[in-house]
């Protein structure tokens, strides 16, 4: 509830986080790979939805995530 929905990047599917390719404070561009999620032996690359700085990372490798769960925040 503290951040605006436009800044949050949600998981497109349920699975397990296998990689977080950014760190807090890092500048990203729209389309940069930020998180990799594995579901049913398939890896899905989650990309930044906008350019900005990563201000929060809510997951780490090994975490199970649900579809729609917030992965990180870009402002």
N, C-alpha and C. Protein backbone atom coordinates (compact mmCIF):
# COMPACT_ATOMS: atom_id res chain seq x y z
N UNK A 1 0.82 -1.20 0.00
CA UNK A 1 0.00 0.00 0.00
C UNK A 1 0.86 1.25 0.00
N UNK A 2 2.16 1.10 0.27
CA UNK A 2 3.01 2.27 0.35
C UNK A 2 3.50 2.79 -0.98
N UNK A 3 3.49 1.96 -2.03
CA UNK A 3 4.00 2.42 -3.32
C UNK A 3 2.88 2.44 -4.35
N UNK A 4 3.12 3.16 -5.41
CA UNK A 4 2.12 3.27 -6.46
C UNK A 4 2.19 2.05 -7.36
N UNK A 5 1.04 1.58 -7.80
CA UNK A 5 0.97 0.36 -8.61
C UNK A 5 1.84 0.46 -9.86
N UNK A 6 1.99 1.64 -10.42
CA UNK A 6 2.78 1.82 -11.63
C UNK A 6 4.26 1.58 -11.42
N UNK A 7 4.73 1.57 -10.17
CA UNK A 7 6.14 1.36 -9.88
C UNK A 7 6.47 -0.10 -9.61
N UNK A 8 5.48 -0.90 -9.23
CA UNK A 8 5.70 -2.29 -8.84
C UNK A 8 5.70 -3.21 -10.05
N UNK A 9 6.60 -4.19 -10.05
CA UNK A 9 6.63 -5.22 -11.08
C UNK A 9 6.15 -6.51 -10.43
N UNK A 10 5.06 -7.07 -10.97
CA UNK A 10 4.48 -8.29 -10.42
C UNK A 10 4.91 -9.50 -11.23
N UNK A 11 4.87 -10.66 -10.59
CA UNK A 11 5.19 -11.90 -11.28
C UNK A 11 4.10 -12.25 -12.28
N UNK A 12 4.48 -12.63 -13.50
CA UNK A 12 3.48 -12.99 -14.50
C UNK A 12 2.92 -14.40 -14.29
N UNK A 13 3.58 -15.19 -13.43
CA UNK A 13 3.13 -16.57 -13.22
C UNK A 13 3.61 -17.07 -11.87
N UNK A 14 3.05 -18.19 -11.44
CA UNK A 14 3.50 -18.84 -10.21
C UNK A 14 4.74 -19.67 -10.52
N UNK A 15 5.69 -19.70 -9.60
CA UNK A 15 6.90 -20.48 -9.81
C UNK A 15 7.89 -20.22 -8.70
N UNK A 16 9.16 -20.51 -8.99
CA UNK A 16 10.24 -20.32 -8.02
C UNK A 16 11.26 -19.36 -8.62
N UNK A 17 11.66 -18.35 -7.84
CA UNK A 17 12.67 -17.40 -8.29
C UNK A 17 14.01 -18.14 -8.37
N UNK A 18 14.66 -18.11 -9.54
CA UNK A 18 15.97 -18.74 -9.68
C UNK A 18 17.09 -17.72 -9.76
N UNK A 19 16.76 -16.46 -10.11
CA UNK A 19 17.78 -15.42 -10.17
C UNK A 19 17.15 -14.05 -10.01
N UNK A 20 17.86 -13.18 -9.30
CA UNK A 20 17.51 -11.76 -9.23
C UNK A 20 18.71 -11.04 -9.83
N UNK A 21 18.52 -10.44 -11.00
CA UNK A 21 19.64 -9.89 -11.77
C UNK A 21 19.90 -8.41 -11.52
N UNK A 22 19.26 -7.83 -10.52
CA UNK A 22 19.46 -6.41 -10.20
C UNK A 22 19.65 -6.25 -8.69
N UNK A 23 20.10 -5.07 -8.29
CA UNK A 23 20.25 -4.77 -6.87
C UNK A 23 19.59 -3.42 -6.59
N UNK A 24 19.29 -3.18 -5.32
CA UNK A 24 18.65 -1.92 -4.93
C UNK A 24 19.59 -0.77 -5.29
N UNK A 25 19.02 0.25 -5.92
CA UNK A 25 19.80 1.41 -6.34
C UNK A 25 20.26 1.34 -7.78
N UNK A 26 20.18 0.15 -8.38
CA UNK A 26 20.62 -0.02 -9.76
C UNK A 26 19.66 0.66 -10.73
N UNK A 27 20.22 1.32 -11.74
CA UNK A 27 19.41 1.93 -12.80
C UNK A 27 19.09 0.85 -13.83
N UNK A 28 17.85 0.77 -14.26
CA UNK A 28 17.44 -0.19 -15.28
C UNK A 28 16.70 0.54 -16.40
N UNK A 29 16.69 -0.09 -17.56
CA UNK A 29 15.91 0.41 -18.69
C UNK A 29 14.75 -0.53 -18.93
N UNK A 30 13.69 -0.03 -19.53
CA UNK A 30 12.55 -0.89 -19.88
C UNK A 30 13.06 -2.03 -20.74
N UNK A 31 12.68 -3.25 -20.39
CA UNK A 31 13.11 -4.42 -21.15
C UNK A 31 14.30 -5.15 -20.56
N UNK A 32 15.00 -4.54 -19.61
CA UNK A 32 16.12 -5.23 -18.94
C UNK A 32 15.58 -6.41 -18.14
N UNK A 33 16.31 -7.52 -18.15
CA UNK A 33 15.92 -8.69 -17.36
C UNK A 33 16.21 -8.38 -15.89
N UNK A 34 15.18 -8.53 -15.04
CA UNK A 34 15.35 -8.22 -13.62
C UNK A 34 15.25 -9.46 -12.73
N UNK A 35 14.41 -10.41 -13.10
CA UNK A 35 14.20 -11.63 -12.31
C UNK A 35 13.97 -12.79 -13.27
N UNK A 36 14.44 -13.98 -12.89
CA UNK A 36 14.15 -15.19 -13.66
C UNK A 36 13.36 -16.13 -12.75
N UNK A 37 12.21 -16.61 -13.26
CA UNK A 37 11.33 -17.50 -12.51
C UNK A 37 11.23 -18.82 -13.25
N UNK A 38 11.32 -19.93 -12.51
CA UNK A 38 11.17 -21.25 -13.12
C UNK A 38 9.83 -21.84 -12.72
N UNK A 39 9.13 -22.34 -13.72
CA UNK A 39 7.85 -23.02 -13.49
C UNK A 39 7.78 -24.20 -14.45
N UNK A 40 7.56 -25.38 -13.91
CA UNK A 40 7.45 -26.60 -14.71
C UNK A 40 8.65 -26.76 -15.65
N UNK A 41 9.86 -26.58 -15.10
CA UNK A 41 11.14 -26.76 -15.81
C UNK A 41 11.40 -25.72 -16.89
N UNK A 42 10.52 -24.71 -17.00
CA UNK A 42 10.72 -23.65 -17.99
C UNK A 42 11.11 -22.38 -17.24
N UNK A 43 12.16 -21.72 -17.74
CA UNK A 43 12.59 -20.46 -17.12
C UNK A 43 11.94 -19.30 -17.86
N UNK A 44 11.36 -18.38 -17.10
CA UNK A 44 10.73 -17.19 -17.65
C UNK A 44 11.51 -15.97 -17.19
N UNK A 45 11.97 -15.17 -18.15
CA UNK A 45 12.71 -13.95 -17.82
C UNK A 45 11.71 -12.81 -17.65
N UNK A 46 11.73 -12.21 -16.47
CA UNK A 46 10.84 -11.08 -16.18
C UNK A 46 11.64 -9.81 -16.43
N UNK A 47 11.07 -8.90 -17.23
CA UNK A 47 11.80 -7.69 -17.61
C UNK A 47 11.22 -6.45 -16.92
N UNK A 48 12.05 -5.43 -16.84
CA UNK A 48 11.61 -4.15 -16.27
C UNK A 48 10.52 -3.56 -17.15
N UNK A 49 9.48 -3.03 -16.53
CA UNK A 49 8.36 -2.46 -17.26
C UNK A 49 8.57 -0.99 -17.57
N UNK A 50 9.63 -0.40 -16.98
CA UNK A 50 9.93 1.01 -17.24
C UNK A 50 11.36 1.28 -16.82
N UNK A 51 11.89 2.42 -17.25
CA UNK A 51 13.23 2.83 -16.84
C UNK A 51 13.15 3.49 -15.47
N UNK A 52 14.22 3.35 -14.70
CA UNK A 52 14.27 3.99 -13.39
C UNK A 52 15.27 3.28 -12.50
N UNK A 53 15.17 3.56 -11.21
CA UNK A 53 16.06 2.95 -10.22
C UNK A 53 15.28 1.91 -9.43
N UNK A 54 15.91 0.76 -9.19
CA UNK A 54 15.30 -0.28 -8.36
C UNK A 54 15.34 0.22 -6.92
N UNK A 55 14.16 0.35 -6.30
CA UNK A 55 14.10 0.88 -4.93
C UNK A 55 13.78 -0.19 -3.90
N UNK A 56 13.27 -1.34 -4.34
CA UNK A 56 12.95 -2.42 -3.41
C UNK A 56 12.95 -3.73 -4.17
N UNK A 57 13.51 -4.77 -3.56
CA UNK A 57 13.44 -6.13 -4.12
C UNK A 57 12.76 -6.99 -3.06
N UNK A 58 11.62 -7.57 -3.43
CA UNK A 58 10.80 -8.29 -2.46
C UNK A 58 11.03 -9.80 -2.45
N UNK A 59 11.87 -10.30 -3.35
CA UNK A 59 12.10 -11.75 -3.45
C UNK A 59 13.60 -12.03 -3.54
N UNK A 60 13.95 -13.30 -3.29
CA UNK A 60 15.33 -13.75 -3.44
C UNK A 60 15.31 -15.13 -4.09
N UNK A 61 16.43 -15.56 -4.68
CA UNK A 61 16.46 -16.89 -5.29
C UNK A 61 16.01 -17.96 -4.29
N UNK A 62 15.17 -18.87 -4.78
CA UNK A 62 14.63 -19.94 -3.94
C UNK A 62 13.23 -19.65 -3.44
N UNK A 63 12.81 -18.39 -3.51
CA UNK A 63 11.46 -18.02 -3.05
C UNK A 63 10.40 -18.53 -4.02
N UNK A 64 9.33 -19.08 -3.48
CA UNK A 64 8.16 -19.40 -4.29
C UNK A 64 7.33 -18.14 -4.45
N UNK A 65 6.83 -17.90 -5.64
CA UNK A 65 6.00 -16.71 -5.88
C UNK A 65 4.69 -17.12 -6.54
N UNK A 66 3.66 -16.33 -6.28
CA UNK A 66 2.35 -16.53 -6.89
C UNK A 66 2.21 -15.56 -8.05
N UNK A 67 1.36 -15.89 -9.00
CA UNK A 67 1.06 -14.96 -10.09
C UNK A 67 0.50 -13.69 -9.48
N UNK A 68 1.02 -12.55 -9.90
CA UNK A 68 0.55 -11.27 -9.39
C UNK A 68 1.30 -10.77 -8.16
N UNK A 69 2.16 -11.61 -7.59
CA UNK A 69 2.94 -11.18 -6.42
C UNK A 69 3.98 -10.14 -6.84
N UNK A 70 4.17 -9.11 -6.01
CA UNK A 70 5.14 -8.06 -6.30
C UNK A 70 6.56 -8.62 -6.17
N UNK A 71 7.37 -8.43 -7.20
CA UNK A 71 8.76 -8.89 -7.20
C UNK A 71 9.71 -7.78 -6.78
N UNK A 72 9.50 -6.59 -7.35
CA UNK A 72 10.37 -5.46 -7.05
C UNK A 72 9.68 -4.16 -7.42
N UNK A 73 10.31 -3.07 -7.02
CA UNK A 73 9.76 -1.74 -7.29
C UNK A 73 10.80 -0.92 -8.04
N UNK A 74 10.36 -0.25 -9.10
CA UNK A 74 11.22 0.64 -9.89
C UNK A 74 10.59 2.03 -9.87
N UNK A 75 11.36 3.01 -9.44
CA UNK A 75 10.85 4.40 -9.39
C UNK A 75 11.70 5.29 -10.28
